[in-house]
PDB file of all heavy atoms in Angstrom:
ATOM      1  N   LEU A   1      52.884 132.911 127.165  1.00  0.00           N
ATOM      2  CA  LEU A   1      52.253 132.187 128.271  1.00  0.00           C
ATOM      3  C   LEU A   1      53.213 131.172 128.868  1.00  0.00           C
ATOM      4  O   LEU A   1      53.339 131.067 130.098  1.00  0.00           O
ATOM      5  CB  LEU A   1      50.974 131.494 127.783  1.00  0.00           C
ATOM      6  CG  LEU A   1      50.240 130.628 128.793  1.00  0.00           C
ATOM      7  CD1 LEU A   1      49.715 131.460 129.951  1.00  0.00           C
ATOM      8  CD2 LEU A   1      49.090 129.897 128.121  1.00  0.00           C
ATOM      9  N   ARG A   2      53.911 130.436 128.018  1.00  0.00           N
ATOM     10  CA  ARG A   2      54.868 129.448 128.522  1.00  0.00           C
ATOM     11  C   ARG A   2      55.993 130.108 129.304  1.00  0.00           C
ATOM     12  O   ARG A   2      56.453 129.587 130.327  1.00  0.00           O
ATOM     13  CB  ARG A   2      55.432 128.612 127.377  1.00  0.00           C
ATOM     14  CG  ARG A   2      54.461 127.552 126.891  1.00  0.00           C
ATOM     15  CD  ARG A   2      55.142 126.531 125.997  1.00  0.00           C
ATOM     16  NE  ARG A   2      55.637 127.121 124.768  1.00  0.00           N
ATOM     17  CZ  ARG A   2      54.937 127.223 123.644  1.00  0.00           C
ATOM     18  NH1 ARG A   2      53.701 126.794 123.593  1.00  0.00           N
ATOM     19  NH2 ARG A   2      55.472 127.760 122.564  1.00  0.00           N
ATOM     20  N   LYS A   3      56.455 131.287 128.842  1.00  0.00           N
ATOM     21  CA  LYS A   3      57.523 131.995 129.554  1.00  0.00           C
ATOM     22  C   LYS A   3      57.052 132.447 130.928  1.00  0.00           C
ATOM     23  O   LYS A   3      57.772 132.323 131.925  1.00  0.00           O
ATOM     24  CB  LYS A   3      57.995 133.195 128.739  1.00  0.00           C
ATOM     25  CG  LYS A   3      58.835 132.814 127.540  1.00  0.00           C
ATOM     26  CD  LYS A   3      59.293 134.019 126.779  1.00  0.00           C
ATOM     27  CE  LYS A   3      60.441 134.686 127.496  1.00  0.00           C
ATOM     28  NZ  LYS A   3      61.199 135.612 126.667  1.00  0.00           N
ATOM     29  N   ILE A   4      55.824 132.991 130.997  1.00  0.00           N
ATOM     30  CA  ILE A   4      55.291 133.455 132.276  1.00  0.00           C
ATOM     31  C   ILE A   4      55.066 132.281 133.223  1.00  0.00           C
ATOM     32  O   ILE A   4      55.329 132.379 134.425  1.00  0.00           O
ATOM     33  CB  ILE A   4      53.990 134.255 132.054  1.00  0.00           C
ATOM     34  CG1 ILE A   4      54.300 135.548 131.304  1.00  0.00           C
ATOM     35  CG2 ILE A   4      53.309 134.577 133.373  1.00  0.00           C
ATOM     36  CD1 ILE A   4      53.080 136.300 130.840  1.00  0.00           C
ATOM     37  N   LEU A   5      54.593 131.143 132.684  1.00  0.00           N
ATOM     38  CA  LEU A   5      54.407 129.954 133.516  1.00  0.00           C
ATOM     39  C   LEU A   5      55.741 129.506 134.117  1.00  0.00           C
ATOM     40  O   LEU A   5      55.803 129.129 135.294  1.00  0.00           O
ATOM     41  CB  LEU A   5      53.803 128.812 132.688  1.00  0.00           C
ATOM     42  CG  LEU A   5      52.309 128.899 132.407  1.00  0.00           C
ATOM     43  CD1 LEU A   5      51.910 127.895 131.352  1.00  0.00           C
ATOM     44  CD2 LEU A   5      51.522 128.692 133.669  1.00  0.00           C
ATOM     45  N   GLY A   6      56.794 129.558 133.319  1.00  0.00           N
ATOM     46  CA  GLY A   6      58.114 129.174 133.823  1.00  0.00           C
ATOM     47  C   GLY A   6      58.620 130.113 134.898  1.00  0.00           C
ATOM     48  O   GLY A   6      59.184 129.673 135.912  1.00  0.00           O
ATOM     49  N   LYS A   7      58.404 131.412 134.705  1.00  0.00           N
ATOM     50  CA  LYS A   7      58.820 132.388 135.713  1.00  0.00           C
ATOM     51  C   LYS A   7      58.082 132.161 137.025  1.00  0.00           C
ATOM     52  O   LYS A   7      58.677 132.194 138.103  1.00  0.00           O
ATOM     53  CB  LYS A   7      58.548 133.811 135.222  1.00  0.00           C
ATOM     54  CG  LYS A   7      59.507 134.315 134.200  1.00  0.00           C
ATOM     55  CD  LYS A   7      59.154 135.746 133.831  1.00  0.00           C
ATOM     56  CE  LYS A   7      60.018 136.262 132.709  1.00  0.00           C
ATOM     57  NZ  LYS A   7      59.662 137.639 132.335  1.00  0.00           N
ATOM     58  N   ARG A   8      56.758 131.933 136.904  1.00  0.00           N
ATOM     59  CA  ARG A   8      55.969 131.709 138.117  1.00  0.00           C
ATOM     60  C   ARG A   8      56.416 130.424 138.811  1.00  0.00           C
ATOM     61  O   ARG A   8      56.535 130.380 140.032  1.00  0.00           O
ATOM     62  CB  ARG A   8      54.483 131.640 137.780  1.00  0.00           C
ATOM     63  CG  ARG A   8      53.615 131.508 139.029  1.00  0.00           C
ATOM     64  CD  ARG A   8      52.162 131.473 138.719  1.00  0.00           C
ATOM     65  NE  ARG A   8      51.779 130.174 138.195  1.00  0.00           N
ATOM     66  CZ  ARG A   8      50.528 129.812 137.955  1.00  0.00           C
ATOM     67  NH1 ARG A   8      49.546 130.667 138.167  1.00  0.00           N
ATOM     68  NH2 ARG A   8      50.250 128.632 137.482  1.00  0.00           N
ATOM     69  N   GLN A   9      56.715 129.404 138.026  1.00  0.00           N
ATOM     70  CA  GLN A   9      57.156 128.134 138.597  1.00  0.00           C
ATOM     71  C   GLN A   9      58.481 128.297 139.345  1.00  0.00           C
ATOM     72  O   GLN A   9      58.659 127.764 140.437  1.00  0.00           O
ATOM     73  CB  GLN A   9      57.295 127.106 137.489  1.00  0.00           C
ATOM     74  CG  GLN A   9      57.538 125.704 137.971  1.00  0.00           C
ATOM     75  CD  GLN A   9      57.561 124.708 136.831  1.00  0.00           C
ATOM     76  OE1 GLN A   9      57.618 125.093 135.661  1.00  0.00           O
ATOM     77  NE2 GLN A   9      57.526 123.444 137.150  1.00  0.00           N
ATOM     78  N   ARG A  10      59.406 129.070 138.759  1.00  0.00           N
ATOM     79  CA  ARG A  10      60.689 129.302 139.422  1.00  0.00           C
ATOM     80  C   ARG A  10      60.516 130.101 140.711  1.00  0.00           C
ATOM     81  O   ARG A  10      61.167 129.815 141.719  1.00  0.00           O
ATOM     82  CB  ARG A  10      61.656 130.006 138.481  1.00  0.00           C
ATOM     83  CG  ARG A  10      62.215 129.094 137.410  1.00  0.00           C
ATOM     84  CD  ARG A  10      63.372 129.714 136.665  1.00  0.00           C
ATOM     85  NE  ARG A  10      63.044 130.960 135.980  1.00  0.00           N
ATOM     86  CZ  ARG A  10      62.526 131.041 134.763  1.00  0.00           C
ATOM     87  NH1 ARG A  10      62.257 129.932 134.080  1.00  0.00           N
ATOM     88  NH2 ARG A  10      62.271 132.206 134.199  1.00  0.00           N
ATOM     89  N   LEU A  11      59.639 131.116 140.680  1.00  0.00           N
ATOM     90  CA  LEU A  11      59.402 131.901 141.894  1.00  0.00           C
ATOM     91  C   LEU A  11      58.777 131.047 142.989  1.00  0.00           C
ATOM     92  O   LEU A  11      59.136 131.163 144.169  1.00  0.00           O
ATOM     93  CB  LEU A  11      58.477 133.090 141.591  1.00  0.00           C
ATOM     94  CG  LEU A  11      59.136 134.341 141.046  1.00  0.00           C
ATOM     95  CD1 LEU A  11      58.077 135.339 140.625  1.00  0.00           C
ATOM     96  CD2 LEU A  11      60.050 134.962 142.067  1.00  0.00           C
ATOM     97  N   LEU A  12      57.831 130.181 142.609  1.00  0.00           N
ATOM     98  CA  LEU A  12      57.207 129.312 143.603  1.00  0.00           C
ATOM     99  C   LEU A  12      58.209 128.317 144.178  1.00  0.00           C
ATOM    100  O   LEU A  12      58.167 128.012 145.370  1.00  0.00           O
ATOM    101  CB  LEU A  12      56.015 128.580 142.989  1.00  0.00           C
ATOM    102  CG  LEU A  12      54.773 129.434 142.766  1.00  0.00           C
ATOM    103  CD1 LEU A  12      53.736 128.668 141.957  1.00  0.00           C
ATOM    104  CD2 LEU A  12      54.176 129.905 144.070  1.00  0.00           C
ATOM    105  N   ALA A  13      59.113 127.820 143.342  1.00  0.00           N
ATOM    106  CA  ALA A  13      60.150 126.901 143.833  1.00  0.00           C
ATOM    107  C   ALA A  13      61.063 127.617 144.825  1.00  0.00           C
ATOM    108  O   ALA A  13      61.423 127.061 145.879  1.00  0.00           O
ATOM    109  CB  ALA A  13      60.956 126.352 142.665  1.00  0.00           C
ATOM    110  N   TYR A  14      61.416 128.861 144.517  1.00  0.00           N
ATOM    111  CA  TYR A  14      62.251 129.657 145.422  1.00  0.00           C
ATOM    112  C   TYR A  14      61.536 129.861 146.754  1.00  0.00           C
ATOM    113  O   TYR A  14      62.122 129.675 147.827  1.00  0.00           O
ATOM    114  CB  TYR A  14      62.568 131.006 144.766  1.00  0.00           C
ATOM    115  CG  TYR A  14      63.114 132.030 145.719  1.00  0.00           C
ATOM    116  CD1 TYR A  14      64.455 132.001 146.096  1.00  0.00           C
ATOM    117  CD2 TYR A  14      62.310 133.034 146.247  1.00  0.00           C
ATOM    118  CE1 TYR A  14      64.966 132.937 146.982  1.00  0.00           C
ATOM    119  CE2 TYR A  14      62.811 133.965 147.128  1.00  0.00           C
ATOM    120  CZ  TYR A  14      64.131 133.921 147.495  1.00  0.00           C
ATOM    121  OH  TYR A  14      64.643 134.834 148.365  1.00  0.00           O
ATOM    122  N   LEU A  15      60.254 130.225 146.681  1.00  0.00           N
ATOM    123  CA  LEU A  15      59.505 130.492 147.906  1.00  0.00           C
ATOM    124  C   LEU A  15      59.331 129.227 148.738  1.00  0.00           C
ATOM    125  O   LEU A  15      59.411 129.273 149.970  1.00  0.00           O
ATOM    126  CB  LEU A  15      58.140 131.099 147.565  1.00  0.00           C
ATOM    127  CG  LEU A  15      57.301 131.582 148.742  1.00  0.00           C
ATOM    128  CD1 LEU A  15      58.019 132.703 149.483  1.00  0.00           C
ATOM    129  CD2 LEU A  15      55.946 132.066 148.266  1.00  0.00           C
ATOM    130  N   SER A  16      59.125 128.091 148.081  1.00  0.00           N
ATOM    131  CA  SER A  16      58.945 126.844 148.835  1.00  0.00           C
ATOM    132  C   SER A  16      60.228 126.451 149.552  1.00  0.00           C
ATOM    133  O   SER A  16      60.186 125.845 150.627  1.00  0.00           O
ATOM    134  CB  SER A  16      58.468 125.722 147.928  1.00  0.00           C
ATOM    135  OG  SER A  16      59.481 125.311 147.056  1.00  0.00           O
ATOM    136  N   LYS A  17      61.383 126.789 148.962  1.00  0.00           N
ATOM    137  CA  LYS A  17      62.648 126.491 149.639  1.00  0.00           C
ATOM    138  C   LYS A  17      62.887 127.439 150.809  1.00  0.00           C
ATOM    139  O   LYS A  17      63.345 127.033 151.864  1.00  0.00           O
ATOM    140  CB  LYS A  17      63.819 126.620 148.662  1.00  0.00           C
ATOM    141  CG  LYS A  17      63.939 125.493 147.682  1.00  0.00           C
ATOM    142  CD  LYS A  17      65.111 125.734 146.753  1.00  0.00           C
ATOM    143  CE  LYS A  17      65.021 124.847 145.535  1.00  0.00           C
ATOM    144  NZ  LYS A  17      65.996 125.230 144.511  1.00  0.00           N
ATOM    145  N   LYS A  18      62.586 128.718 150.613  1.00  0.00           N
ATOM    146  CA  LYS A  18      62.901 129.723 151.623  1.00  0.00           C
ATOM    147  C   LYS A  18      61.916 129.729 152.784  1.00  0.00           C
ATOM    148  O   LYS A  18      62.316 129.840 153.934  1.00  0.00           O
ATOM    149  CB  LYS A  18      62.933 131.129 150.992  1.00  0.00           C
ATOM    150  CG  LYS A  18      64.070 131.352 150.051  1.00  0.00           C
ATOM    151  CD  LYS A  18      65.382 131.355 150.804  1.00  0.00           C
ATOM    152  CE  LYS A  18      66.543 131.552 149.868  1.00  0.00           C
ATOM    153  NZ  LYS A  18      67.828 131.474 150.553  1.00  0.00           N
ATOM    154  N   ASN A  19      60.604 129.671 152.461  1.00  0.00           N
ATOM    155  CA  ASN A  19      59.600 129.777 153.512  1.00  0.00           C
ATOM    156  C   ASN A  19      58.393 128.928 153.120  1.00  0.00           C
ATOM    157  O   ASN A  19      57.530 129.369 152.371  1.00  0.00           O
ATOM    158  CB  ASN A  19      59.202 131.239 153.709  1.00  0.00           C
ATOM    159  CG  ASN A  19      58.388 131.451 154.956  1.00  0.00           C
ATOM    160  OD1 ASN A  19      57.761 130.536 155.456  1.00  0.00           O
ATOM    161  ND2 ASN A  19      58.403 132.672 155.451  1.00  0.00           N
ATOM    162  N   ARG A  20      58.346 127.728 153.644  1.00  0.00           N
ATOM    163  CA  ARG A  20      57.307 126.767 153.260  1.00  0.00           C
ATOM    164  C   ARG A  20      55.907 127.233 153.690  1.00  0.00           C
ATOM    165  O   ARG A  20      54.930 126.987 152.991  1.00  0.00           O
ATOM    166  CB  ARG A  20      57.638 125.417 153.889  1.00  0.00           C
ATOM    167  CG  ARG A  20      56.858 124.270 153.368  1.00  0.00           C
ATOM    168  CD  ARG A  20      57.309 123.932 151.971  1.00  0.00           C
ATOM    169  NE  ARG A  20      56.525 122.808 151.494  1.00  0.00           N
ATOM    170  CZ  ARG A  20      56.572 122.349 150.271  1.00  0.00           C
ATOM    171  NH1 ARG A  20      57.377 122.891 149.396  1.00  0.00           N
ATOM    172  NH2 ARG A  20      55.836 121.343 149.910  1.00  0.00           N
ATOM    173  N   VAL A  21      55.807 127.935 154.812  1.00  0.00           N
ATOM    174  CA  VAL A  21      54.501 128.386 155.316  1.00  0.00           C
ATOM    175  C   VAL A  21      53.907 129.435 154.379  1.00  0.00           C
ATOM    176  O   VAL A  21      52.730 129.351 154.002  1.00  0.00           O
ATOM    177  CB  VAL A  21      54.643 128.938 156.759  1.00  0.00           C
ATOM    178  CG1 VAL A  21      53.321 129.493 157.252  1.00  0.00           C
ATOM    179  CG2 VAL A  21      55.152 127.856 157.690  1.00  0.00           C
ATOM    180  N   ARG A  22      54.721 130.418 153.995  1.00  0.00           N
ATOM    181  CA  ARG A  22      54.241 131.452 153.068  1.00  0.00           C
ATOM    182  C   ARG A  22      53.866 130.847 151.730  1.00  0.00           C
ATOM    183  O   ARG A  22      52.887 131.261 151.101  1.00  0.00           O
ATOM    184  CB  ARG A  22      55.328 132.521 152.850  1.00  0.00           C
ATOM    185  CG  ARG A  22      55.382 133.545 153.956  1.00  0.00           C
ATOM    186  CD  ARG A  22      56.558 134.491 153.849  1.00  0.00           C
ATOM    187  NE  ARG A  22      56.710 135.115 152.552  1.00  0.00           N
ATOM    188  CZ  ARG A  22      57.819 135.746 152.162  1.00  0.00           C
ATOM    189  NH1 ARG A  22      58.861 135.801 152.961  1.00  0.00           N
ATOM    190  NH2 ARG A  22      57.888 136.291 150.978  1.00  0.00           N
ATOM    191  N   TYR A  23      54.620 129.842 151.285  1.00  0.00           N
ATOM    192  CA  TYR A  23      54.337 129.147 150.033  1.00  0.00           C
ATOM    193  C   TYR A  23      52.976 128.464 150.095  1.00  0.00           C
ATOM    194  O   TYR A  23      52.160 128.596 149.179  1.00  0.00           O
ATOM    195  CB  TYR A  23      55.449 128.129 149.753  1.00  0.00           C
ATOM    196  CG  TYR A  23      55.151 127.172 148.631  1.00  0.00           C
ATOM    197  CD1 TYR A  23      55.230 127.573 147.305  1.00  0.00           C
ATOM    198  CD2 TYR A  23      54.790 125.851 148.893  1.00  0.00           C
ATOM    199  CE1 TYR A  23      54.965 126.690 146.279  1.00  0.00           C
ATOM    200  CE2 TYR A  23      54.529 124.966 147.873  1.00  0.00           C
ATOM    201  CZ  TYR A  23      54.607 125.389 146.566  1.00  0.00           C
ATOM    202  OH  TYR A  23      54.334 124.533 145.544  1.00  0.00           O
ATOM    203  N   LYS A  24      52.725 127.733 151.178  1.00  0.00           N
ATOM    204  CA  LYS A  24      51.452 127.024 151.336  1.00  0.00           C
ATOM    205  C   LYS A  24      50.280 128.004 151.365  1.00  0.00           C
ATOM    206  O   LYS A  24      49.241 127.754 150.760  1.00  0.00           O
ATOM    207  CB  LYS A  24      51.452 126.192 152.625  1.00  0.00           C
ATOM    208  CG  LYS A  24      52.373 125.006 152.589  1.00  0.00           C
ATOM    209  CD  LYS A  24      51.732 123.865 151.854  1.00  0.00           C
ATOM    210  CE  LYS A  24      52.546 122.600 152.033  1.00  0.00           C
ATOM    211  NZ  LYS A  24      52.024 121.509 151.241  1.00  0.00           N
ATOM    212  N   GLU A  25      50.444 129.120 152.079  1.00  0.00           N
ATOM    213  CA  GLU A  25      49.383 130.129 152.143  1.00  0.00           C
ATOM    214  C   GLU A  25      49.099 130.704 150.762  1.00  0.00           C
ATOM    215  O   GLU A  25      47.941 130.878 150.377  1.00  0.00           O
ATOM    216  CB  GLU A  25      49.775 131.276 153.086  1.00  0.00           C
ATOM    217  CG  GLU A  25      49.740 130.917 154.543  1.00  0.00           C
ATOM    218  CD  GLU A  25      50.243 132.059 155.415  1.00  0.00           C
ATOM    219  OE1 GLU A  25      50.499 133.165 154.886  1.00  0.00           O
ATOM    220  OE2 GLU A  25      50.394 131.842 156.630  1.00  0.00           O
ATOM    221  N   LEU A  26      50.151 130.993 150.018  1.00  0.00           N
ATOM    222  CA  LEU A  26      49.995 131.616 148.698  1.00  0.00           C
ATOM    223  C   LEU A  26      49.285 130.691 147.720  1.00  0.00           C
ATOM    224  O   LEU A  26      48.342 131.121 147.043  1.00  0.00           O
ATOM    225  CB  LEU A  26      51.366 132.014 148.140  1.00  0.00           C
ATOM    226  CG  LEU A  26      51.360 132.742 146.804  1.00  0.00           C
ATOM    227  CD1 LEU A  26      50.672 134.087 146.937  1.00  0.00           C
ATOM    228  CD2 LEU A  26      52.766 132.920 146.293  1.00  0.00           C
ATOM    229  N   ILE A  27      49.692 129.432 147.650  1.00  0.00           N
ATOM    230  CA  ILE A  27      49.051 128.548 146.678  1.00  0.00           C
ATOM    231  C   ILE A  27      47.613 128.250 147.069  1.00  0.00           C
ATOM    232  O   ILE A  27      46.766 128.049 146.206  1.00  0.00           O
ATOM    233  CB  ILE A  27      49.843 127.243 146.440  1.00  0.00           C
ATOM    234  CG1 ILE A  27      49.979 126.419 147.710  1.00  0.00           C
ATOM    235  CG2 ILE A  27      51.194 127.526 145.838  1.00  0.00           C
ATOM    236  CD1 ILE A  27      50.563 125.047 147.467  1.00  0.00           C
ATOM    237  N   SER A  28      47.311 128.264 148.372  1.00  0.00           N
ATOM    238  CA  SER A  28      45.916 128.042 148.767  1.00  0.00           C
ATOM    239  C   SER A  28      45.062 129.263 148.434  1.00  0.00           C
ATOM    240  O   SER A  28      43.916 129.129 147.996  1.00  0.00           O
ATOM    241  CB  SER A  28      45.821 127.706 150.255  1.00  0.00           C
ATOM    242  OG  SER A  28      46.208 128.821 151.025  1.00  0.00           O
ATOM    243  N   LYS A  29      45.609 130.477 148.604  1.00  0.00           N
ATOM    244  CA  LYS A  29      44.846 131.694 148.285  1.00  0.00           C
ATOM    245  C   LYS A  29      44.607 131.833 146.788  1.00  0.00           C
ATOM    246  O   LYS A  29      43.535 132.257 146.366  1.00  0.00           O
ATOM    247  CB  LYS A  29      45.579 132.937 148.801  1.00  0.00           C
ATOM    248  CG  LYS A  29      45.442 133.150 150.277  1.00  0.00           C
ATOM    249  CD  LYS A  29      46.163 134.410 150.705  1.00  0.00           C
ATOM    250  CE  LYS A  29      46.099 134.592 152.197  1.00  0.00           C
ATOM    251  NZ  LYS A  29      46.887 135.746 152.647  1.00  0.00           N
ATOM    252  N   LEU A  30      45.605 131.492 145.989  1.00  0.00           N
ATOM    253  CA  LEU A  30      45.495 131.679 144.548  1.00  0.00           C
ATOM    254  C   LEU A  30      44.880 130.475 143.845  1.00  0.00           C
ATOM    255  O   LEU A  30      44.562 130.551 142.665  1.00  0.00           O
ATOM    256  CB  LEU A  30      46.866 131.979 143.934  1.00  0.00           C
ATOM    257  CG  LEU A  30      47.497 133.304 144.334  1.00  0.00           C
ATOM    258  CD1 LEU A  30      48.859 133.448 143.677  1.00  0.00           C
ATOM    259  CD2 LEU A  30      46.609 134.463 143.968  1.00  0.00           C
ATOM    260  N   GLY A  31      44.743 129.369 144.545  1.00  0.00           N
ATOM    261  CA  GLY A  31      44.173 128.175 143.921  1.00  0.00           C
ATOM    262  C   GLY A  31      45.122 127.520 142.929  1.00  0.00           C
ATOM    263  O   GLY A  31      44.707 126.988 141.909  1.00  0.00           O
ATOM    264  N   ILE A  32      46.408 127.548 143.232  1.00  0.00           N
ATOM    265  CA  ILE A  32      47.430 126.954 142.356  1.00  0.00           C
ATOM    266  C   ILE A  32      47.753 125.564 142.915  1.00  0.00           C
ATOM    267  O   ILE A  32      47.816 125.371 144.126  1.00  0.00           O
ATOM    268  CB  ILE A  32      48.709 127.815 142.350  1.00  0.00           C
ATOM    269  CG1 ILE A  32      48.396 129.217 141.866  1.00  0.00           C
ATOM    270  CG2 ILE A  32      49.783 127.184 141.491  1.00  0.00           C
ATOM    271  CD1 ILE A  32      49.567 130.162 141.997  1.00  0.00           C
ATOM    272  N   ARG A  33      47.962 124.612 142.007  1.00  0.00           N
ATOM    273  CA  ARG A  33      48.380 123.289 142.454  1.00  0.00           C
ATOM    274  C   ARG A  33      49.798 123.343 142.943  1.00  0.00           C
ATOM    275  O   ARG A  33      50.616 124.134 142.460  1.00  0.00           O
ATOM    276  CB  ARG A  33      48.282 122.288 141.314  1.00  0.00           C
ATOM    277  CG  ARG A  33      46.866 121.952 140.933  1.00  0.00           C
ATOM    278  CD  ARG A  33      46.870 120.944 139.837  1.00  0.00           C
ATOM    279  NE  ARG A  33      47.568 121.501 138.667  1.00  0.00           N
ATOM    280  CZ  ARG A  33      47.463 121.025 137.439  1.00  0.00           C
ATOM    281  NH1 ARG A  33      46.729 119.984 137.208  1.00  0.00           N
ATOM    282  NH2 ARG A  33      48.112 121.574 136.442  1.00  0.00           N
ATOM    283  N   GLU A  34      50.127 122.475 143.890  1.00  0.00           N
ATOM    284  CA  GLU A  34      51.485 122.411 144.404  1.00  0.00           C
ATOM    285  C   GLU A  34      52.402 121.819 143.348  1.00  0.00           C
ATOM    286  O   GLU A  34      52.022 120.899 142.633  1.00  0.00           O
ATOM    287  CB  GLU A  34      51.517 121.562 145.665  1.00  0.00           C
ATOM    288  CG  GLU A  34      52.791 121.712 146.432  1.00  0.00           C
ATOM    289  CD  GLU A  34      52.673 121.199 147.855  1.00  0.00           C
ATOM    290  OE1 GLU A  34      51.551 120.975 148.316  1.00  0.00           O
ATOM    291  OE2 GLU A  34      53.727 121.017 148.486  1.00  0.00           O
ATOM    292  N   THR A  35      53.604 122.365 143.236  1.00  0.00           N
ATOM    293  CA  THR A  35      54.542 121.888 142.226  1.00  0.00           C
ATOM    294  C   THR A  35      55.067 120.518 142.586  1.00  0.00           C
ATOM    295  O   THR A  35      55.167 120.164 143.767  1.00  0.00           O
ATOM    296  CB  THR A  35      55.722 122.862 142.062  1.00  0.00           C
ATOM    297  OG1 THR A  35      56.357 123.040 143.339  1.00  0.00           O
ATOM    298  CG2 THR A  35      55.266 124.194 141.540  1.00  0.00           C
TER     299      THR A  35
END
């Protein structure tokens, strides 16, 4: 679980750097808190 959480966190960090709009849409759809 900790490994998967880290992978997801890294992917979200990548997405927030590359495309902030897609990042915001994704976390709102999935109900994830912003990093």
